[in-house]
Amino acid sequence: MSYLLQTLTRKQDVDKLIRDTLDKVLVLRFGRATDVVCMQLDEILAKTVREVSKFASIALVDVDAEETQVYLKYFDITLIPSTVFFFNAHHMKMDSGTPDHTKWIGAFHQKQDFIDVVEAIFRGAMKGKLIVRCPLPPERVPKFELLYKNI
């Protein structure tokens, strides 16, 4: 289903989309079109594009593209798929009960979960918040053990 969504492979394209998306949540899915979990997430994203089009834009970022590697390092993306949210060029964070508030790791269980998350981020962003609470129950939030290195 990734063919239905805009796929970005250049840093300039990602920068332009982040900068130019105004008054909408920008959803960037970092992953590979050939990964099974990415394909599941892409199907959910493709199904919800029309429903969230008034308050969100969705794009895919190819993690294998050489030019997008800077974002993988910046957002510390080691597990895919990872979904990052922006509003008016500000990185939006979400407290979902996991150690990492900067991104959503894994796929959503159903399309309504994705819609609820994007809507919560949009409502929080419209109130000037940069971090919002996840509207999903804890059992529907993917759990991953993240290892942090002290540098």
C-alpha atoms as a PDB file:
ATOM      1  CA  MET A   1       0.000   0.000   0.000  1.00  0.00           C
ATOM      2  CA  SER A   2       3.011   2.296   0.174  1.00  0.00           C
ATOM      3  CA  TYR A   3       2.460   3.167  -3.480  1.00  0.00           C
ATOM      4  CA  LEU A   4      -0.636   5.147  -2.449  1.00  0.00           C
ATOM      5  CA  LEU A   5       1.361   7.472  -0.195  1.00  0.00           C
ATOM      6  CA  GLN A   6       4.059  10.027  -0.961  1.00  0.00           C
ATOM      7  CA  THR A   7       7.492   8.461  -0.476  1.00  0.00           C
ATOM      8  CA  LEU A   8      10.491  10.676   0.293  1.00  0.00           C
ATOM      9  CA  THR A   9      14.067   9.624  -0.412  1.00  0.00           C
ATOM     10  CA  ARG A  10      15.899  12.967  -0.253  1.00  0.00           C
ATOM     11  CA  LYS A  11      16.668  15.127   2.763  1.00  0.00           C
ATOM     12  CA  GLN A  12      15.621  18.266   0.890  1.00  0.00           C
ATOM     13  CA  ASP A  13      12.169  16.781   0.233  1.00  0.00           C
ATOM     14  CA  VAL A  14      11.708  15.888   3.910  1.00  0.00           C
ATOM     15  CA  ASP A  15      12.878  19.354   5.001  1.00  0.00           C
ATOM     16  CA  LYS A  16      10.528  21.061   2.546  1.00  0.00           C
ATOM     17  CA  LEU A  17       7.541  18.980   3.635  1.00  0.00           C
ATOM     18  CA  ILE A  18       8.211  19.658   7.331  1.00  0.00           C
ATOM     19  CA  ARG A  19       8.626  23.385   6.656  1.00  0.00           C
ATOM     20  CA  ASP A  20       5.656  23.751   4.299  1.00  0.00           C
ATOM     21  CA  THR A  21       3.004  21.740   6.165  1.00  0.00           C
ATOM     22  CA  LEU A  22       1.066  24.405   8.047  1.00  0.00           C
ATOM     23  CA  ASP A  23      -1.873  23.997  10.439  1.00  0.00           C
ATOM     24  CA  LYS A  24      -1.828  20.225   9.949  1.00  0.00           C
ATOM     25  CA  VAL A  25      -0.119  17.342  11.677  1.00  0.00           C
ATOM     26  CA  LEU A  26       2.613  15.904   9.484  1.00  0.00           C
ATOM     27  CA  VAL A  27       2.996  12.160   9.944  1.00  0.00           C
ATOM     28  CA  LEU A  28       6.329  10.752   8.755  1.00  0.00           C
ATOM     29  CA  ARG A  29       6.646   6.955   8.721  1.00  0.00           C
ATOM     30  CA  PHE A  30      10.279   5.849   8.650  1.00  0.00           C
ATOM     31  CA  GLY A  31      10.690   2.349   7.273  1.00  0.00           C
ATOM     32  CA  ARG A  32      11.058   0.058   4.270  1.00  0.00           C
ATOM     33  CA  ALA A  33       8.359  -0.749   1.721  1.00  0.00           C
ATOM     34  CA  THR A  34       9.412  -4.426   1.836  1.00  0.00           C
ATOM     35  CA  ASP A  35       9.197  -4.890   5.627  1.00  0.00           C
ATOM     36  CA  VAL A  36       6.116  -6.837   6.786  1.00  0.00           C
ATOM     37  CA  VAL A  37       5.313  -4.580   9.757  1.00  0.00           C
ATOM     38  CA  CYS A  38       5.843  -1.487   7.578  1.00  0.00           C
ATOM     39  CA  MET A  39       3.401  -2.923   5.049  1.00  0.00           C
ATOM     40  CA  GLN A  40       0.802  -3.402   7.805  1.00  0.00           C
ATOM     41  CA  LEU A  41       1.285   0.179   8.960  1.00  0.00           C
ATOM     42  CA  ASP A  42       1.216   1.490   5.381  1.00  0.00           C
ATOM     43  CA  GLU A  43      -2.127  -0.230   4.837  1.00  0.00           C
ATOM     44  CA  ILE A  44      -3.578   1.508   7.902  1.00  0.00           C
ATOM     45  CA  LEU A  45      -2.107   4.859   6.818  1.00  0.00           C
ATOM     46  CA  ALA A  46      -3.450   4.492   3.273  1.00  0.00           C
ATOM     47  CA  LYS A  47      -6.930   3.646   4.564  1.00  0.00           C
ATOM     48  CA  THR A  48      -7.035   6.721   6.803  1.00  0.00           C
ATOM     49  CA  VAL A  49      -5.605   9.312   4.406  1.00  0.00           C
ATOM     50  CA  ARG A  50      -9.018  10.665   3.403  1.00  0.00           C
ATOM     51  CA  GLU A  51     -10.411  10.612   6.944  1.00  0.00           C
ATOM     52  CA  VAL A  52      -7.568  12.682   8.412  1.00  0.00           C
ATOM     53  CA  SER A  53      -6.947  14.879   5.359  1.00  0.00           C
ATOM     54  CA  LYS A  54      -8.467  17.989   6.991  1.00  0.00           C
ATOM     55  CA  PHE A  55      -6.013  17.954   9.900  1.00  0.00           C
ATOM     56  CA  ALA A  56      -3.095  15.712   8.865  1.00  0.00           C
ATOM     57  CA  SER A  57      -0.735  14.885   5.985  1.00  0.00           C
ATOM     58  CA  ILE A  58       1.046  11.551   5.705  1.00  0.00           C
ATOM     59  CA  ALA A  59       4.342  10.731   3.997  1.00  0.00           C
ATOM     60  CA  LEU A  60       6.747   7.811   4.020  1.00  0.00           C
ATOM     61  CA  VAL A  61      10.497   8.179   4.444  1.00  0.00           C
ATOM     62  CA  ASP A  62      12.714   5.450   3.026  1.00  0.00           C
ATOM     63  CA  VAL A  63      15.327   4.482   5.642  1.00  0.00           C
ATOM     64  CA  ASP A  64      17.566   2.909   3.009  1.00  0.00           C
ATOM     65  CA  ALA A  65      17.990   6.162   1.083  1.00  0.00           C
ATOM     66  CA  GLU A  66      21.437   7.624   1.659  1.00  0.00           C
ATOM     67  CA  GLU A  67      20.201  11.201   2.055  1.00  0.00           C
ATOM     68  CA  THR A  68      17.673  10.400   4.811  1.00  0.00           C
ATOM     69  CA  GLN A  69      20.266   8.883   7.153  1.00  0.00           C
ATOM     70  CA  VAL A  70      20.623  12.217   8.974  1.00  0.00           C
ATOM     71  CA  TYR A  71      17.039  11.859  10.247  1.00  0.00           C
ATOM     72  CA  LEU A  72      17.663   8.321  11.454  1.00  0.00           C
ATOM     73  CA  LYS A  73      20.504   9.601  13.600  1.00  0.00           C
ATOM     74  CA  TYR A  74      18.674  12.728  14.746  1.00  0.00           C
ATOM     75  CA  PHE A  75      15.531  10.868  15.886  1.00  0.00           C
ATOM     76  CA  ASP A  76      17.522   7.799  17.012  1.00  0.00           C
ATOM     77  CA  ILE A  77      15.525   5.491  14.766  1.00  0.00           C
ATOM     78  CA  THR A  78      16.846   1.983  15.254  1.00  0.00           C
ATOM     79  CA  LEU A  79      13.571   0.051  15.085  1.00  0.00           C
ATOM     80  CA  ILE A  80      11.264   0.257  12.099  1.00  0.00           C
ATOM     81  CA  PRO A  81       8.629   1.263  11.436  1.00  0.00           C
ATOM     82  CA  SER A  82       8.929   4.450  13.465  1.00  0.00           C
ATOM     83  CA  THR A  83       6.411   7.245  13.087  1.00  0.00           C
ATOM     84  CA  VAL A  84       7.318  10.850  13.891  1.00  0.00           C
ATOM     85  CA  PHE A  85       4.804  13.706  14.166  1.00  0.00           C
ATOM     86  CA  PHE A  86       5.208  17.424  13.395  1.00  0.00           C
ATOM     87  CA  PHE A  87       2.937  20.451  13.596  1.00  0.00           C
ATOM     88  CA  ASN A  88       3.966  23.761  11.974  1.00  0.00           C
ATOM     89  CA  ALA A  89       7.578  22.514  11.756  1.00  0.00           C
ATOM     90  CA  HIS A  90       7.660  21.639  15.491  1.00  0.00           C
ATOM     91  CA  HIS A  91       8.397  18.087  16.515  1.00  0.00           C
ATOM     92  CA  MET A  92       5.394  16.790  18.471  1.00  0.00           C
ATOM     93  CA  LYS A  93       5.954  14.278  21.241  1.00  0.00           C
ATOM     94  CA  MET A  94       3.497  11.854  22.800  1.00  0.00           C
ATOM     95  CA  ASP A  95       3.531  10.274  26.247  1.00  0.00           C
ATOM     96  CA  SER A  96       2.355   6.734  25.601  1.00  0.00           C
ATOM     97  CA  GLY A  97       3.829   5.123  28.717  1.00  0.00           C
ATOM     98  CA  THR A  98       7.017   4.068  26.925  1.00  0.00           C
ATOM     99  CA  PRO A  99      10.512   5.440  27.642  1.00  0.00           C
ATOM    100  CA  ASP A 100      10.674   7.198  24.253  1.00  0.00           C
ATOM    101  CA  HIS A 101       8.209  10.070  23.717  1.00  0.00           C
ATOM    102  CA  THR A 102       9.734  11.266  20.447  1.00  0.00           C
ATOM    103  CA  LYS A 103       8.231   8.665  18.114  1.00  0.00           C
ATOM    104  CA  TRP A 104       5.738   5.823  17.783  1.00  0.00           C
ATOM    105  CA  ILE A 105       7.527   2.512  17.268  1.00  0.00           C
ATOM    106  CA  GLY A 106       5.703  -0.293  15.459  1.00  0.00           C
ATOM    107  CA  ALA A 107       2.339  -0.481  13.753  1.00  0.00           C
ATOM    108  CA  PHE A 108      -1.058   0.552  15.049  1.00  0.00           C
ATOM    109  CA  HIS A 109      -3.501  -2.257  15.850  1.00  0.00           C
ATOM    110  CA  GLN A 110      -6.343  -0.728  13.857  1.00  0.00           C
ATOM    111  CA  LYS A 111      -7.009   2.369  11.807  1.00  0.00           C
ATOM    112  CA  GLN A 112      -9.110   4.004  14.544  1.00  0.00           C
ATOM    113  CA  ASP A 113      -6.073   3.882  16.860  1.00  0.00           C
ATOM    114  CA  PHE A 114      -4.069   5.890  14.325  1.00  0.00           C
ATOM    115  CA  ILE A 115      -6.899   8.393  13.842  1.00  0.00           C
ATOM    116  CA  ASP A 116      -7.228   8.848  17.630  1.00  0.00           C
ATOM    117  CA  VAL A 117      -3.481   9.469  18.032  1.00  0.00           C
ATOM    118  CA  VAL A 118      -3.306  11.995  15.190  1.00  0.00           C
ATOM    119  CA  GLU A 119      -6.419  13.771  16.440  1.00  0.00           C
ATOM    120  CA  ALA A 120      -4.982  13.998  19.975  1.00  0.00           C
ATOM    121  CA  ILE A 121      -1.752  15.450  18.593  1.00  0.00           C
ATOM    122  CA  PHE A 122      -3.690  17.959  16.476  1.00  0.00           C
ATOM    123  CA  ARG A 123      -5.854  19.087  19.401  1.00  0.00           C
ATOM    124  CA  GLY A 124      -2.821  19.440  21.665  1.00  0.00           C
ATOM    125  CA  ALA A 125      -0.869  21.331  19.009  1.00  0.00           C
ATOM    126  CA  MET A 126      -3.760  23.747  18.492  1.00  0.00           C
ATOM    127  CA  LYS A 127      -3.547  24.513  22.235  1.00  0.00           C
ATOM    128  CA  GLY A 128       0.188  25.182  21.958  1.00  0.00           C
ATOM    129  CA  LYS A 129       1.387  21.933  23.544  1.00  0.00           C
ATOM    130  CA  LEU A 130       4.508  20.156  22.290  1.00  0.00           C
ATOM    131  CA  ILE A 131       3.783  16.895  24.134  1.00  0.00           C
ATOM    132  CA  VAL A 132       0.403  15.197  24.450  1.00  0.00           C
ATOM    133  CA  ARG A 133      -0.901  12.177  26.309  1.00  0.00           C
ATOM    134  CA  CYS A 134      -1.634   9.083  24.221  1.00  0.00           C
ATOM    135  CA  PRO A 135      -5.388   8.482  23.950  1.00  0.00           C
ATOM    136  CA  LEU A 136      -4.993   4.704  23.530  1.00  0.00           C
ATOM    137  CA  PRO A 137      -5.259   2.197  26.367  1.00  0.00           C
ATOM    138  CA  PRO A 138      -1.860   0.747  27.413  1.00  0.00           C
ATOM    139  CA  GLU A 139      -2.635  -2.693  25.972  1.00  0.00           C
ATOM    140  CA  ARG A 140      -2.831  -1.209  22.440  1.00  0.00           C
ATOM    141  CA  VAL A 141       0.528   0.587  22.678  1.00  0.00           C
ATOM    142  CA  PRO A 142       3.446  -1.503  21.344  1.00  0.00           C
ATOM    143  CA  LYS A 143       6.086  -2.103  24.002  1.00  0.00           C
ATOM    144  CA  PHE A 144       9.775  -2.280  23.151  1.00  0.00           C
ATOM    145  CA  GLU A 145      12.784  -2.512  25.386  1.00  0.00           C
ATOM    146  CA  LEU A 146      15.012   0.384  24.451  1.00  0.00           C
ATOM    147  CA  LEU A 147      18.657   0.354  25.439  1.00  0.00           C
ATOM    148  CA  TYR A 148      20.283   3.727  26.041  1.00  0.00           C
ATOM    149  CA  LYS A 149      24.037   4.222  25.978  1.00  0.00           C
ATOM    150  CA  ASN A 150      25.761   6.783  28.149  1.00  0.00           C
ATOM    151  CA  ILE A 151      28.184   8.634  25.957  1.00  0.00           C
END
